[in-house]
Amino acid sequence: MGCNLCVGIARFRDQVEAEWQSAKDISPRLQAAEVERVRTFFEPPAYESLQNIDAAAGREPEFQAWYRYNTRPHKVAGYRAAFVSLKKHGQNPGDMSSGQMEAVAALADRVSFGMIRVTHTQNLLLADVKQSELYRVWQELRLLGLAMPNIGTLTDMIACPGLDFCSLANAGTLKVATQIQQQFDDLDYLYDLGDIEVKMSGCMNACGHHHVGHIGILGVDKHGEEWYQITLGGSVNGSTSLGQVIGPSVPQADVASTIERIVEVYRAEREDGERFIETFRRIGVKPFKEGAYATHSEAA
């Protein structure tokens, strides 16, 4: 049966390849004039002719941290992209109020050509901010509670709404997110850890992309109780990979402490300049598993 299946797959592959070659030779081609016509619908904003400046020079440490972690270089001189962090510690990841929405919309009208981009990491992006206006943008976002300087850190996690808001979920996510925020509330510690992607889903539908997180958290139901399966090594950036389940699931109260033990293994084993995902791929899952289950009981 196995050989017949292989033969069938090979024939299907050859058929698809033949059809592709045939269609490729007779498919209509877009004319250059049509390409240029469509291009006119995607004209860039009316950027001013500016020079790059060091917007963080001489500013207070809080702004310098926000500038480092929540802004990114722009292809146009004198501009920079600024994240609106929806990951303030003590609040549900990705949430914002109607008042915050209106304020950010008004800010975008003033400083980013009226455009706000929603990122897959549950943040917002003002993509075209003049470097000279970044300090004022930070001041306004800070007053709104939207300037947490943690973009790209462990608490910049993706989390689905879980059992609190979704009838498909097996377990909650928001209490776990709060637990993680409390466990990792020291920004200096977060910055020392560097780039770690935490993604959490309340069920196998994987709306939180847990399977491709450097650290993935999947809520599962065990006889009416909420437990959480931990995966490590997932990634969609660079070398793509699915996370490996490290072992039995852990109770809700132990999720944050389990993650702390995992990142402490990383801190002990990393080489200079090595990110979490790079250390994991170099040393494998075993040291992380041993660290994760060092002090608490496991689920069967």
C-alpha atoms as a PDB file:
ATOM      1  CA  MET A   1       0.000   0.000   0.000  1.00  0.00           C
ATOM      2  CA  GLY A   2       2.868   2.326   0.875  1.00  0.00           C
ATOM      3  CA  CYS A   3       4.484   1.880  -2.556  1.00  0.00           C
ATOM      4  CA  ASN A   4       1.173   2.460  -4.342  1.00  0.00           C
ATOM      5  CA  LEU A   5       0.692   5.660  -2.367  1.00  0.00           C
ATOM      6  CA  CYS A   6       4.159   6.868  -3.353  1.00  0.00           C
ATOM      7  CA  VAL A   7       3.476   6.130  -7.002  1.00  0.00           C
ATOM      8  CA  GLY A   8       0.165   7.980  -6.811  1.00  0.00           C
ATOM      9  CA  ILE A   9       1.765  11.032  -5.220  1.00  0.00           C
ATOM     10  CA  ALA A  10       4.507  11.051  -7.860  1.00  0.00           C
ATOM     11  CA  ARG A  11       1.967  10.887 -10.687  1.00  0.00           C
ATOM     12  CA  PHE A  12      -0.086  13.693  -9.157  1.00  0.00           C
ATOM     13  CA  ARG A  13       3.043  15.823  -8.748  1.00  0.00           C
ATOM     14  CA  ASP A  14       4.022  15.263 -12.392  1.00  0.00           C
ATOM     15  CA  GLN A  15       0.502  16.144 -13.527  1.00  0.00           C
ATOM     16  CA  VAL A  16       0.496  19.369 -11.548  1.00  0.00           C
ATOM     17  CA  GLU A  17       3.922  20.295 -12.909  1.00  0.00           C
ATOM     18  CA  ALA A  18       2.800  19.632 -16.491  1.00  0.00           C
ATOM     19  CA  GLU A  19      -0.329  21.733 -16.069  1.00  0.00           C
ATOM     20  CA  TRP A  20       1.730  24.539 -14.543  1.00  0.00           C
ATOM     21  CA  GLN A  21       4.170  24.564 -17.453  1.00  0.00           C
ATOM     22  CA  SER A  22       1.321  24.588 -19.961  1.00  0.00           C
ATOM     23  CA  ALA A  23      -0.520  27.406 -18.238  1.00  0.00           C
ATOM     24  CA  LYS A  24       2.664  29.400 -17.773  1.00  0.00           C
ATOM     25  CA  ASP A  25       3.299  29.490 -21.501  1.00  0.00           C
ATOM     26  CA  ILE A  26      -0.223  30.626 -22.487  1.00  0.00           C
ATOM     27  CA  SER A  27      -1.219  32.808 -19.522  1.00  0.00           C
ATOM     28  CA  PRO A  28      -1.997  36.475 -20.288  1.00  0.00           C
ATOM     29  CA  ARG A  29       0.687  39.021 -19.436  1.00  0.00           C
ATOM     30  CA  LEU A  30       0.160  42.360 -17.778  1.00  0.00           C
ATOM     31  CA  GLN A  31       1.318  45.184 -19.988  1.00  0.00           C
ATOM     32  CA  ALA A  32       3.729  47.747 -18.572  1.00  0.00           C
ATOM     33  CA  ALA A  33       1.159  50.506 -19.046  1.00  0.00           C
ATOM     34  CA  GLU A  34      -1.368  48.614 -16.910  1.00  0.00           C
ATOM     35  CA  VAL A  35       1.198  48.042 -14.192  1.00  0.00           C
ATOM     36  CA  GLU A  36       1.959  51.757 -14.110  1.00  0.00           C
ATOM     37  CA  ARG A  37      -1.753  52.614 -14.010  1.00  0.00           C
ATOM     38  CA  VAL A  38      -2.294  50.398 -10.983  1.00  0.00           C
ATOM     39  CA  ARG A  39       0.840  51.794  -9.374  1.00  0.00           C
ATOM     40  CA  THR A  40      -0.750  55.255  -9.288  1.00  0.00           C
ATOM     41  CA  PHE A  41      -3.266  53.989  -6.728  1.00  0.00           C
ATOM     42  CA  PHE A  42      -0.415  53.270  -4.317  1.00  0.00           C
ATOM     43  CA  GLU A  43       1.445  56.552  -4.250  1.00  0.00           C
ATOM     44  CA  PRO A  44       3.516  57.146  -1.090  1.00  0.00           C
ATOM     45  CA  PRO A  45       2.463  59.871   1.352  1.00  0.00           C
ATOM     46  CA  ALA A  46       3.671  63.417   0.830  1.00  0.00           C
ATOM     47  CA  TYR A  47       6.903  63.070   2.770  1.00  0.00           C
ATOM     48  CA  GLU A  48       8.831  66.244   3.481  1.00  0.00           C
ATOM     49  CA  SER A  49      12.501  66.564   2.629  1.00  0.00           C
ATOM     50  CA  LEU A  50      14.121  66.140   6.056  1.00  0.00           C
ATOM     51  CA  GLN A  51      17.406  65.133   7.638  1.00  0.00           C
ATOM     52  CA  ASN A  52      17.855  62.354  10.164  1.00  0.00           C
ATOM     53  CA  ILE A  53      18.303  63.524  13.747  1.00  0.00           C
ATOM     54  CA  ASP A  54      19.049  61.788  17.051  1.00  0.00           C
ATOM     55  CA  ALA A  55      15.630  62.262  18.614  1.00  0.00           C
ATOM     56  CA  ALA A  56      16.654  60.569  21.878  1.00  0.00           C
ATOM     57  CA  ALA A  57      19.736  62.679  22.563  1.00  0.00           C
ATOM     58  CA  GLY A  58      19.517  64.479  25.896  1.00  0.00           C
ATOM     59  CA  ARG A  59      16.061  63.120  26.713  1.00  0.00           C
ATOM     60  CA  GLU A  60      15.040  61.354  29.913  1.00  0.00           C
ATOM     61  CA  PRO A  61      15.732  57.605  30.251  1.00  0.00           C
ATOM     62  CA  GLU A  62      12.035  56.721  29.959  1.00  0.00           C
ATOM     63  CA  PHE A  63      11.826  58.277  26.503  1.00  0.00           C
ATOM     64  CA  GLN A  64      15.132  56.739  25.465  1.00  0.00           C
ATOM     65  CA  ALA A  65      13.800  53.283  26.389  1.00  0.00           C
ATOM     66  CA  TRP A  66      10.600  53.898  24.415  1.00  0.00           C
ATOM     67  CA  TYR A  67      12.603  55.177  21.449  1.00  0.00           C
ATOM     68  CA  ARG A  68      14.855  52.109  21.489  1.00  0.00           C
ATOM     69  CA  TYR A  69      12.160  49.461  21.835  1.00  0.00           C
ATOM     70  CA  ASN A  70       9.009  51.040  20.372  1.00  0.00           C
ATOM     71  CA  THR A  71      10.299  52.773  17.268  1.00  0.00           C
ATOM     72  CA  ARG A  72      11.916  51.484  14.088  1.00  0.00           C
ATOM     73  CA  PRO A  73      13.996  53.029  11.266  1.00  0.00           C
ATOM     74  CA  HIS A  74      12.174  54.411   8.238  1.00  0.00           C
ATOM     75  CA  LYS A  75      13.251  54.249   4.613  1.00  0.00           C
ATOM     76  CA  VAL A  76      12.679  58.016   4.287  1.00  0.00           C
ATOM     77  CA  ALA A  77      15.145  60.346   5.982  1.00  0.00           C
ATOM     78  CA  GLY A  78      13.714  62.312   8.893  1.00  0.00           C
ATOM     79  CA  TYR A  79      10.936  59.804   9.682  1.00  0.00           C
ATOM     80  CA  ARG A  80      10.532  56.839  11.996  1.00  0.00           C
ATOM     81  CA  ALA A  81       7.843  54.208  12.631  1.00  0.00           C
ATOM     82  CA  ALA A  82       6.371  54.236  16.148  1.00  0.00           C
ATOM     83  CA  PHE A  83       4.533  51.378  17.845  1.00  0.00           C
ATOM     84  CA  VAL A  84       1.527  52.027  20.050  1.00  0.00           C
ATOM     85  CA  SER A  85       1.975  49.341  22.700  1.00  0.00           C
ATOM     86  CA  LEU A  86      -1.212  47.595  23.773  1.00  0.00           C
ATOM     87  CA  LYS A  87       0.760  45.512  26.282  1.00  0.00           C
ATOM     88  CA  LYS A  88       0.828  47.689  29.392  1.00  0.00           C
ATOM     89  CA  HIS A  89       1.408  45.508  32.437  1.00  0.00           C
ATOM     90  CA  GLY A  90      -1.822  44.992  34.339  1.00  0.00           C
ATOM     91  CA  GLN A  91      -4.018  45.185  31.245  1.00  0.00           C
ATOM     92  CA  ASN A  92      -5.217  42.508  28.832  1.00  0.00           C
ATOM     93  CA  PRO A  93      -2.834  42.156  25.861  1.00  0.00           C
ATOM     94  CA  GLY A  94      -4.218  43.815  22.743  1.00  0.00           C
ATOM     95  CA  ASP A  95      -7.044  45.672  24.497  1.00  0.00           C
ATOM     96  CA  MET A  96      -7.793  49.393  24.394  1.00  0.00           C
ATOM     97  CA  SER A  97     -10.746  51.568  25.310  1.00  0.00           C
ATOM     98  CA  SER A  98     -12.927  53.595  22.953  1.00  0.00           C
ATOM     99  CA  GLY A  99     -11.393  56.751  24.380  1.00  0.00           C
ATOM    100  CA  GLN A 100      -7.901  55.501  23.627  1.00  0.00           C
ATOM    101  CA  MET A 101      -8.984  54.580  20.104  1.00  0.00           C
ATOM    102  CA  GLU A 102     -10.324  58.061  19.442  1.00  0.00           C
ATOM    103  CA  ALA A 103      -7.212  59.693  20.861  1.00  0.00           C
ATOM    104  CA  VAL A 104      -4.861  57.534  18.780  1.00  0.00           C
ATOM    105  CA  ALA A 105      -6.929  58.230  15.663  1.00  0.00           C
ATOM    106  CA  ALA A 106      -6.611  61.968  16.288  1.00  0.00           C
ATOM    107  CA  LEU A 107      -2.871  61.556  16.888  1.00  0.00           C
ATOM    108  CA  ALA A 108      -2.490  59.648  13.609  1.00  0.00           C
ATOM    109  CA  ASP A 109      -4.248  62.469  11.766  1.00  0.00           C
ATOM    110  CA  ARG A 110      -1.698  64.917  13.130  1.00  0.00           C
ATOM    111  CA  VAL A 111       1.542  62.968  12.855  1.00  0.00           C
ATOM    112  CA  SER A 112       1.196  59.949  10.511  1.00  0.00           C
ATOM    113  CA  PHE A 113      -0.861  60.971   7.486  1.00  0.00           C
ATOM    114  CA  GLY A 114      -4.042  59.702   9.150  1.00  0.00           C
ATOM    115  CA  MET A 115      -2.956  56.073   8.912  1.00  0.00           C
ATOM    116  CA  ILE A 116      -2.846  53.465  11.691  1.00  0.00           C
ATOM    117  CA  ARG A 117      -1.691  49.921  11.015  1.00  0.00           C
ATOM    118  CA  VAL A 118      -2.774  46.993  13.156  1.00  0.00           C
ATOM    119  CA  THR A 119       0.033  44.470  13.632  1.00  0.00           C
ATOM    120  CA  HIS A 120      -0.361  40.718  14.018  1.00  0.00           C
ATOM    121  CA  THR A 121       1.302  41.083  17.424  1.00  0.00           C
ATOM    122  CA  GLN A 122      -1.766  42.943  18.723  1.00  0.00           C
ATOM    123  CA  ASN A 123      -0.220  46.397  18.705  1.00  0.00           C
ATOM    124  CA  LEU A 124      -0.764  49.479  16.550  1.00  0.00           C
ATOM    125  CA  LEU A 125       1.790  51.232  14.354  1.00  0.00           C
ATOM    126  CA  LEU A 126       2.109  54.866  13.351  1.00  0.00           C
ATOM    127  CA  ALA A 127       4.297  54.216  10.349  1.00  0.00           C
ATOM    128  CA  ASP A 128       5.316  57.717   9.232  1.00  0.00           C
ATOM    129  CA  VAL A 129       6.210  59.929  12.178  1.00  0.00           C
ATOM    130  CA  LYS A 130       8.679  62.776  11.801  1.00  0.00           C
ATOM    131  CA  GLN A 131      11.659  62.220  14.058  1.00  0.00           C
ATOM    132  CA  SER A 132      11.229  65.741  15.411  1.00  0.00           C
ATOM    133  CA  GLU A 133       7.724  64.836  16.642  1.00  0.00           C
ATOM    134  CA  LEU A 134       8.562  61.548  18.366  1.00  0.00           C
ATOM    135  CA  TYR A 135       9.003  63.118  21.802  1.00  0.00           C
ATOM    136  CA  ARG A 136       5.560  64.730  21.641  1.00  0.00           C
ATOM    137  CA  VAL A 137       4.058  61.458  20.383  1.00  0.00           C
ATOM    138  CA  TRP A 138       5.606  59.624  23.332  1.00  0.00           C
ATOM    139  CA  GLN A 139       4.237  62.190  25.780  1.00  0.00           C
ATOM    140  CA  GLU A 140       0.716  61.782  24.425  1.00  0.00           C
ATOM    141  CA  LEU A 141       0.889  57.988  24.331  1.00  0.00           C
ATOM    142  CA  ARG A 142       2.224  57.909  27.885  1.00  0.00           C
ATOM    143  CA  LEU A 143      -0.753  59.954  29.114  1.00  0.00           C
ATOM    144  CA  LEU A 144      -3.023  57.449  27.355  1.00  0.00           C
ATOM    145  CA  GLY A 145      -1.274  54.457  28.949  1.00  0.00           C
ATOM    146  CA  LEU A 146      -0.048  53.294  25.534  1.00  0.00           C
ATOM    147  CA  ALA A 147       3.707  53.864  25.786  1.00  0.00           C
ATOM    148  CA  MET A 148       4.877  50.707  27.568  1.00  0.00           C
ATOM    149  CA  PRO A 149       8.460  50.295  26.245  1.00  0.00           C
ATOM    150  CA  ASN A 150       8.281  46.529  25.798  1.00  0.00           C
ATOM    151  CA  ILE A 151       7.883  45.893  22.074  1.00  0.00           C
ATOM    152  CA  GLY A 152       9.740  42.697  21.189  1.00  0.00           C
ATOM    153  CA  THR A 153      10.171  41.621  24.796  1.00  0.00           C
ATOM    154  CA  LEU A 154       8.670  38.680  26.670  1.00  0.00           C
ATOM    155  CA  THR A 155       5.622  40.660  27.873  1.00  0.00           C
ATOM    156  CA  ASP A 156       4.820  41.789  24.320  1.00  0.00           C
ATOM    157  CA  MET A 157       2.921  38.511  24.084  1.00  0.00           C
ATOM    158  CA  ILE A 158       0.185  37.453  21.700  1.00  0.00           C
ATOM    159  CA  ALA A 159      -2.845  36.076  23.546  1.00  0.00           C
ATOM    160  CA  CYS A 160      -6.272  35.080  22.322  1.00  0.00           C
ATOM    161  CA  PRO A 161      -9.223  36.092  24.577  1.00  0.00           C
ATOM    162  CA  GLY A 162      -9.499  32.555  25.917  1.00  0.00           C
ATOM    163  CA  LEU A 163     -12.344  31.182  27.997  1.00  0.00           C
ATOM    164  CA  ASP A 164     -13.309  34.622  29.328  1.00  0.00           C
ATOM    165  CA  PHE A 165     -14.695  35.678  25.937  1.00  0.00           C
ATOM    166  CA  CYS A 166     -14.606  32.665  23.588  1.00  0.00           C
ATOM    167  CA  SER A 167     -16.991  29.710  23.752  1.00  0.00           C
ATOM    168  CA  LEU A 168     -14.510  27.539  21.812  1.00  0.00           C
ATOM    169  CA  ALA A 169     -11.727  27.883  24.375  1.00  0.00           C
ATOM    170  CA  ASN A 170     -10.706  25.144  26.799  1.00  0.00           C
ATOM    171  CA  ALA A 171      -8.917  27.450  29.241  1.00  0.00           C
ATOM    172  CA  GLY A 172      -8.478  31.083  30.110  1.00  0.00           C
ATOM    173  CA  THR A 173      -5.592  33.205  28.889  1.00  0.00           C
ATOM    174  CA  LEU A 174      -6.060  36.646  30.422  1.00  0.00           C
ATOM    175  CA  LYS A 175      -5.310  35.608  34.010  1.00  0.00           C
ATOM    176  CA  VAL A 176      -2.208  33.842  32.761  1.00  0.00           C
ATOM    177  CA  ALA A 177      -1.157  36.964  30.852  1.00  0.00           C
ATOM    178  CA  THR A 178      -1.527  39.022  34.032  1.00  0.00           C
ATOM    179  CA  GLN A 179       0.473  36.415  35.933  1.00  0.00           C
ATOM    180  CA  ILE A 180       3.287  36.637  33.374  1.00  0.00           C
ATOM    181  CA  GLN A 181       3.247  40.441  33.484  1.00  0.00           C
ATOM    182  CA  GLN A 182       3.577  40.365  37.264  1.00  0.00           C
ATOM    183  CA  GLN A 183       6.377  37.794  37.144  1.00  0.00           C
ATOM    184  CA  PHE A 184       8.327  39.840  34.569  1.00  0.00           C
ATOM    185  CA  ASP A 185       7.542  43.388  35.665  1.00  0.00           C
ATOM    186  CA  ASP A 186      11.192  44.495  35.826  1.00  0.00           C
ATOM    187  CA  LEU A 187      12.015  46.217  32.549  1.00  0.00           C
ATOM    188  CA  ASP A 188      15.769  45.874  33.027  1.00  0.00           C
ATOM    189  CA  TYR A 189      15.306  42.116  33.398  1.00  0.00           C
ATOM    190  CA  LEU A 190      13.122  42.032  30.274  1.00  0.00           C
ATOM    191  CA  TYR A 191      15.719  43.984  28.317  1.00  0.00           C
ATOM    192  CA  ASP A 192      18.448  41.594  29.468  1.00  0.00           C
ATOM    193  CA  LEU A 193      16.417  38.655  28.144  1.00  0.00           C
ATOM    194  CA  GLY A 194      16.159  40.304  24.741  1.00  0.00           C
ATOM    195  CA  ASP A 195      13.945  39.061  21.926  1.00  0.00           C
ATOM    196  CA  ILE A 196      11.565  36.376  23.206  1.00  0.00           C
ATOM    197  CA  GLU A 197       8.238  35.737  21.499  1.00  0.00           C
ATOM    198  CA  VAL A 198       5.531  34.393  23.818  1.00  0.00           C
ATOM    199  CA  LYS A 199       2.289  33.294  22.181  1.00  0.00           C
ATOM    200  CA  MET A 200      -0.728  31.868  23.987  1.00  0.00           C
ATOM    201  CA  SER A 201      -3.917  30.137  22.818  1.00  0.00           C
ATOM    202  CA  GLY A 202      -6.892  28.951  24.823  1.00  0.00           C
ATOM    203  CA  CYS A 203      -7.524  25.979  22.534  1.00  0.00           C
ATOM    204  CA  MET A 204      -6.167  24.060  19.555  1.00  0.00           C
ATOM    205  CA  ASN A 205      -7.678  26.559  17.108  1.00  0.00           C
ATOM    206  CA  ALA A 206      -4.433  28.429  17.861  1.00  0.00           C
ATOM    207  CA  CYS A 207      -5.704  31.987  17.446  1.00  0.00           C
ATOM    208  CA  GLY A 208      -2.740  33.052  19.593  1.00  0.00           C
ATOM    209  CA  HIS A 209      -0.241  31.295  17.279  1.00  0.00           C
ATOM    210  CA  HIS A 210       1.181  29.341  20.233  1.00  0.00           C
ATOM    211  CA  HIS A 211       2.709  26.692  17.962  1.00  0.00           C
ATOM    212  CA  VAL A 212       5.120  29.230  16.430  1.00  0.00           C
ATOM    213  CA  GLY A 213       6.127  31.053  19.608  1.00  0.00           C
ATOM    214  CA  HIS A 214       9.630  30.892  20.981  1.00  0.00           C
ATOM    215  CA  ILE A 215       7.609  30.017  24.075  1.00  0.00           C
ATOM    216  CA  GLY A 216       4.135  28.710  23.309  1.00  0.00           C
ATOM    217  CA  ILE A 217       1.319  28.264  25.826  1.00  0.00           C
ATOM    218  CA  LEU A 218      -1.749  26.158  25.018  1.00  0.00           C
ATOM    219  CA  GLY A 219      -4.684  25.988  27.402  1.00  0.00           C
ATOM    220  CA  VAL A 220      -6.176  22.510  27.837  1.00  0.00           C
ATOM    221  CA  ASP A 221      -9.036  21.103  29.896  1.00  0.00           C
ATOM    222  CA  LYS A 222      -8.270  18.274  32.313  1.00  0.00           C
ATOM    223  CA  HIS A 223     -11.425  17.005  34.000  1.00  0.00           C
ATOM    224  CA  GLY A 224     -12.875  20.497  34.258  1.00  0.00           C
ATOM    225  CA  GLU A 225      -9.621  22.150  35.368  1.00  0.00           C
ATOM    226  CA  GLU A 226      -7.472  24.545  33.349  1.00  0.00           C
ATOM    227  CA  TRP A 227      -3.947  23.332  32.579  1.00  0.00           C
ATOM    228  CA  TYR A 228      -1.345  24.652  30.174  1.00  0.00           C
ATOM    229  CA  GLN A 229       0.931  22.864  27.737  1.00  0.00           C
ATOM    230  CA  ILE A 230       4.290  24.561  27.110  1.00  0.00           C
ATOM    231  CA  THR A 231       6.092  24.406  23.760  1.00  0.00           C
ATOM    232  CA  LEU A 232       9.523  25.801  22.913  1.00  0.00           C
ATOM    233  CA  GLY A 233      11.368  26.605  19.715  1.00  0.00           C
ATOM    234  CA  GLY A 234       8.612  27.823  17.416  1.00  0.00           C
ATOM    235  CA  SER A 235       9.338  30.633  14.974  1.00  0.00           C
ATOM    236  CA  VAL A 236       8.039  32.326  11.838  1.00  0.00           C
ATOM    237  CA  ASN A 237      10.979  34.703  11.481  1.00  0.00           C
ATOM    238  CA  GLY A 238      14.072  33.524   9.645  1.00  0.00           C
ATOM    239  CA  SER A 239      14.216  29.759   9.996  1.00  0.00           C
ATOM    240  CA  THR A 240      10.594  28.666  10.432  1.00  0.00           C
ATOM    241  CA  SER A 241       9.822  25.926  12.966  1.00  0.00           C
ATOM    242  CA  LEU A 242       7.012  24.512  15.084  1.00  0.00           C
ATOM    243  CA  GLY A 243       7.420  24.458  18.842  1.00  0.00           C
ATOM    244  CA  GLN A 244       8.215  21.232  20.689  1.00  0.00           C
ATOM    245  CA  VAL A 245       6.080  20.143  23.618  1.00  0.00           C
ATOM    246  CA  ILE A 246       8.465  19.993  26.572  1.00  0.00           C
ATOM    247  CA  GLY A 247       6.401  17.636  28.713  1.00  0.00           C
ATOM    248  CA  PRO A 248       3.207  17.368  30.758  1.00  0.00           C
ATOM    249  CA  SER A 249       1.000  20.420  31.136  1.00  0.00           C
ATOM    250  CA  VAL A 250       1.202  22.616  34.240  1.00  0.00           C
ATOM    251  CA  PRO A 251      -1.578  24.132  36.374  1.00  0.00           C
ATOM    252  CA  GLN A 252      -2.599  27.734  35.798  1.00  0.00           C
ATOM    253  CA  ALA A 253      -0.924  28.990  38.967  1.00  0.00           C
ATOM    254  CA  ASP A 254       2.457  27.617  37.813  1.00  0.00           C
ATOM    255  CA  VAL A 255       2.634  28.979  34.258  1.00  0.00           C
ATOM    256  CA  ALA A 256       4.603  32.170  34.957  1.00  0.00           C
ATOM    257  CA  SER A 257       7.035  30.490  37.341  1.00  0.00           C
ATOM    258  CA  THR A 258       7.579  27.712  34.799  1.00  0.00           C
ATOM    259  CA  ILE A 259       8.427  30.289  32.143  1.00  0.00           C
ATOM    260  CA  GLU A 260      10.796  32.025  34.551  1.00  0.00           C
ATOM    261  CA  ARG A 261      12.673  28.766  35.106  1.00  0.00           C
ATOM    262  CA  ILE A 262      12.858  28.285  31.338  1.00  0.00           C
ATOM    263  CA  VAL A 263      14.339  31.727  30.732  1.00  0.00           C
ATOM    264  CA  GLU A 264      16.792  31.234  33.576  1.00  0.00           C
ATOM    265  CA  VAL A 265      18.110  28.182  31.725  1.00  0.00           C
ATOM    266  CA  TYR A 266      18.533  30.454  28.709  1.00  0.00           C
ATOM    267  CA  ARG A 267      20.411  33.058  30.775  1.00  0.00           C
ATOM    268  CA  ALA A 268      22.738  30.396  32.118  1.00  0.00           C
ATOM    269  CA  GLU A 269      23.416  28.730  28.756  1.00  0.00           C
ATOM    270  CA  ARG A 270      23.409  31.574  26.224  1.00  0.00           C
ATOM    271  CA  GLU A 271      26.498  32.744  24.442  1.00  0.00           C
ATOM    272  CA  ASP A 272      27.336  36.395  23.820  1.00  0.00           C
ATOM    273  CA  GLY A 273      24.683  38.031  21.661  1.00  0.00           C
ATOM    274  CA  GLU A 274      22.642  34.840  21.383  1.00  0.00           C
ATOM    275  CA  ARG A 275      18.846  35.124  21.339  1.00  0.00           C
ATOM    276  CA  PHE A 276      16.563  32.694  23.144  1.00  0.00           C
ATOM    277  CA  ILE A 277      15.572  30.858  19.946  1.00  0.00           C
ATOM    278  CA  GLU A 278      19.237  30.509  18.966  1.00  0.00           C
ATOM    279  CA  THR A 279      20.211  29.076  22.339  1.00  0.00           C
ATOM    280  CA  PHE A 280      17.311  26.630  22.186  1.00  0.00           C
ATOM    281  CA  ARG A 281      18.345  25.389  18.753  1.00  0.00           C
ATOM    282  CA  ARG A 282      21.956  25.010  19.858  1.00  0.00           C
ATOM    283  CA  ILE A 283      21.440  23.082  23.124  1.00  0.00           C
ATOM    284  CA  GLY A 284      18.087  21.402  22.442  1.00  0.00           C
ATOM    285  CA  VAL A 285      15.003  20.911  24.561  1.00  0.00           C
ATOM    286  CA  LYS A 286      16.443  18.706  27.329  1.00  0.00           C
ATOM    287  CA  PRO A 287      18.043  21.412  29.550  1.00  0.00           C
ATOM    288  CA  PHE A 288      14.898  23.539  29.292  1.00  0.00           C
ATOM    289  CA  LYS A 289      12.665  20.617  30.197  1.00  0.00           C
ATOM    290  CA  GLU A 290      14.799  19.790  33.225  1.00  0.00           C
ATOM    291  CA  GLY A 291      14.655  23.402  34.367  1.00  0.00           C
ATOM    292  CA  ALA A 292      10.933  23.798  33.728  1.00  0.00           C
ATOM    293  CA  TYR A 293       9.935  20.839  35.895  1.00  0.00           C
ATOM    294  CA  ALA A 294      12.519  21.353  38.607  1.00  0.00           C
ATOM    295  CA  THR A 295      10.244  22.335  41.486  1.00  0.00           C
ATOM    296  CA  HIS A 296       6.563  21.646  40.852  1.00  0.00           C
ATOM    297  CA  SER A 297       4.383  18.623  40.239  1.00  0.00           C
ATOM    298  CA  GLU A 298       3.399  17.706  36.711  1.00  0.00           C
ATOM    299  CA  ALA A 299       0.022  16.824  35.305  1.00  0.00           C
ATOM    300  CA  ALA A 300      -0.499  13.240  34.276  1.00  0.00           C
END
